[in-house]
Structures are given as structure tokens and as C-alpha cells.
Amino acid sequence: MTTDPGRAKILVVDDETEVCSLLREFFQDRYDVETAHDGAEALRKIGVFRPDCVLLDIRMPNLDGREVLRLTKPSYPEMEIIMITGVGDGAMAGECQKLGAFAYIMKPIDLDFLERQVRSALKKKGDKADD
């Protein structure tokens, strides 16, 4: 894992390898990007990589995205978390917001919209968002 100290860091967490690959490729020219394929791996990488922004799938086997959000946000309040899901659920969106999620995005992912959300999250955090 090589990082540039001048660039923001993004962690993409999704059990679908294709989604991780797509988002890594999309963001890697502007940010340092790491991926994780389940919640447990995400927790490990958050502690080591210290991402500025996490793109977190909600529905994953074993440890789902809501639980990762619940476990990490209190310890890393400055880290912005964007929840991603293939299942629209207003109650779940509300729960994620209460737990501290920055945004809740539906699949299929509109990459331009996601990029705007990431920029907004990084600006809120105070990082350089590829101005």
C-alpha cells in the first residue's frame, strides 16, 4: 500500500469484486484508493489505511455495512462514510444517517453523482478534494 501524503484516501468496501475494481479505477487518478471485500476486512483496513472517505456497501455477508458504520464512526468521527446499496429502504437510509453516514446512494451507481458526493464529503472533512 503506497500512499501520497498530499492526496485524500478512499476505501471502497463491496463484496462484488467488479464494483471494487470499477470504483478503484474511476478514483485512482485523483485519490489513493484501497479496497475491501467484506466488513471485517474493512475494519482492518480502516485502522491501517486511515481513509478520509469510505464508500461502504450495506448488504455484505458476515459483517454488513451498517455494522461497520456503527463500529467505526464513533472512533473515527472525521472519516466520512458514503453508504451504497442495491435495495432502496427509507428506514435503512434513516438509520444510516443517524449513525453518521454522509450520504446514501443507490446502485446502479451514477459515477458522476458519486464523485460529487465524494468531493462534498472531503470538503466537509477539510481535505483537498482535487480542486
Protein backbone atom coordinates (compact mmCIF):
# COMPACT_ATOMS: atom_id res chain seq x y z
CA MET A 1 0.00 0.00 0.00
CA THR A 2 1.69 3.18 -1.25
CA THR A 3 0.09 6.47 -0.42
CA ASP A 4 0.79 10.06 -1.38
CA PRO A 5 0.55 12.23 1.76
CA GLY A 6 -0.88 15.10 -0.31
CA ARG A 7 -3.85 13.12 -1.62
CA ALA A 8 -7.06 12.15 0.10
CA LYS A 9 -7.59 8.43 0.76
CA ILE A 10 -10.68 6.46 -0.19
CA LEU A 11 -11.59 2.95 0.93
CA VAL A 12 -14.08 1.10 -1.29
CA VAL A 13 -15.91 -1.73 0.51
CA ASP A 14 -18.13 -4.06 -1.52
CA ASP A 15 -18.45 -7.83 -1.72
CA GLU A 16 -18.77 -7.52 -5.51
CA THR A 17 -15.25 -7.58 -6.97
CA GLU A 18 -16.46 -5.79 -10.11
CA VAL A 19 -17.74 -2.83 -8.08
CA CYS A 20 -14.45 -2.54 -6.19
CA SER A 21 -12.47 -2.67 -9.44
CA LEU A 22 -14.70 -0.13 -11.18
CA LEU A 23 -14.53 2.37 -8.33
CA ARG A 24 -10.79 1.90 -7.80
CA GLU A 25 -10.17 2.58 -11.49
CA PHE A 26 -12.53 5.57 -11.51
CA PHE A 27 -10.96 7.31 -8.49
CA GLN A 28 -7.29 6.23 -8.59
CA ASP A 29 -6.08 9.20 -10.67
CA ARG A 30 -7.31 11.67 -8.03
CA TYR A 31 -7.09 9.79 -4.73
CA ASP A 32 -5.23 6.98 -3.01
CA VAL A 33 -7.68 4.08 -3.20
CA GLU A 34 -7.80 0.79 -1.30
CA THR A 35 -10.50 -1.87 -1.46
CA ALA A 36 -12.02 -4.38 0.93
CA HIS A 37 -14.46 -7.17 0.09
CA ASP A 38 -16.24 -7.59 3.42
CA GLY A 39 -16.87 -5.80 6.67
CA ALA A 40 -14.11 -7.50 8.66
CA GLU A 41 -11.51 -6.61 6.04
CA ALA A 42 -12.88 -3.05 6.02
CA LEU A 43 -12.40 -2.72 9.77
CA ARG A 44 -8.78 -3.88 9.46
CA LYS A 45 -8.04 -1.53 6.58
CA ILE A 46 -9.67 1.46 8.27
CA GLY A 47 -7.29 1.05 11.20
CA VAL A 48 -4.20 0.86 8.97
CA PHE A 49 -5.06 2.93 5.87
CA ARG A 50 -6.96 5.66 7.78
CA PRO A 51 -9.18 6.69 4.85
CA ASP A 52 -10.68 10.14 4.60
CA CYS A 53 -13.77 8.72 2.92
CA VAL A 54 -15.27 5.22 2.83
CA LEU A 55 -17.62 4.01 0.10
CA LEU A 56 -19.43 1.28 2.00
CA ASP A 57 -21.84 -1.31 0.61
CA ILE A 58 -24.65 -2.03 3.04
CA ARG A 59 -25.50 -5.63 2.21
CA MET A 60 -22.49 -7.91 2.61
CA PRO A 61 -22.14 -11.36 4.14
CA ASN A 62 -20.96 -11.76 7.73
CA LEU A 63 -20.50 -8.13 8.81
CA ASP A 64 -22.77 -5.74 6.91
CA GLY A 65 -22.15 -2.08 6.15
CA ARG A 66 -24.46 -0.77 8.87
CA GLU A 67 -22.46 -2.65 11.47
CA VAL A 68 -19.16 -1.35 10.04
CA LEU A 69 -20.61 2.17 10.18
CA ARG A 70 -21.80 1.66 13.76
CA LEU A 71 -18.40 0.31 14.85
CA THR A 72 -16.20 2.88 13.10
CA LYS A 73 -17.92 6.26 13.21
CA PRO A 74 -17.51 6.79 16.98
CA SER A 75 -13.77 6.01 16.78
CA TYR A 76 -13.18 7.97 13.55
CA PRO A 77 -15.73 10.82 13.57
CA GLU A 78 -13.73 12.79 10.99
CA MET A 79 -13.95 9.95 8.44
CA GLU A 80 -16.85 10.47 6.05
CA ILE A 81 -18.83 7.36 5.07
CA ILE A 82 -20.98 7.10 1.96
CA MET A 83 -23.35 4.15 2.08
CA ILE A 84 -24.08 2.28 -1.16
CA THR A 85 -26.94 -0.18 -1.65
CA GLY A 86 -28.84 -2.05 -4.31
CA VAL A 87 -32.00 -2.13 -2.20
CA GLY A 88 -33.96 1.06 -1.59
CA ASP A 89 -35.14 1.23 2.01
CA GLY A 90 -36.13 4.52 3.61
CA ALA A 91 -35.85 3.13 7.13
CA MET A 92 -32.34 1.86 6.46
CA ALA A 93 -31.33 5.21 4.96
CA GLY A 94 -32.62 6.95 8.09
CA GLU A 95 -30.77 4.52 10.35
CA CYS A 96 -27.52 5.08 8.44
CA GLN A 97 -27.97 8.84 8.68
CA LYS A 98 -28.50 8.59 12.47
CA LEU A 99 -25.32 6.50 12.70
CA GLY A 100 -23.38 9.29 10.96
CA ALA A 101 -23.32 8.38 7.27
CA PHE A 102 -22.59 11.31 4.98
CA ALA A 103 -24.79 10.04 2.13
CA TYR A 104 -26.85 7.05 0.97
CA ILE A 105 -26.51 6.12 -2.73
CA MET A 106 -28.43 3.56 -4.76
CA LYS A 107 -26.99 1.06 -7.23
CA PRO A 108 -26.51 1.08 -10.13
CA ILE A 109 -24.03 3.78 -9.22
CA ASP A 110 -24.07 7.04 -11.17
CA LEU A 111 -20.31 7.72 -11.14
CA ASP A 112 -20.66 11.47 -11.72
CA PHE A 113 -23.09 11.74 -8.80
CA LEU A 114 -20.82 9.61 -6.61
CA GLU A 115 -17.83 11.77 -7.49
CA ARG A 116 -19.77 14.89 -6.44
CA GLN A 117 -20.68 13.21 -3.16
CA VAL A 118 -17.05 12.24 -2.51
CA ARG A 119 -15.90 15.80 -3.23
CA SER A 120 -18.56 17.16 -0.86
CA ALA A 121 -17.56 14.68 1.84
CA LEU A 122 -13.88 15.59 1.52
CA LYS A 123 -14.64 19.32 1.57
CA LYS A 124 -16.72 18.84 4.72
CA LYS A 125 -13.81 16.99 6.25
CA GLY A 126 -11.47 19.79 5.17
CA ASP A 127 -9.28 17.80 2.77
CA LYS A 128 -8.22 18.88 -0.65
CA ALA A 129 -10.90 17.41 -2.92
CA ASP A 130 -8.97 17.68 -6.20
CA ASP A 131 -9.76 21.38 -6.67
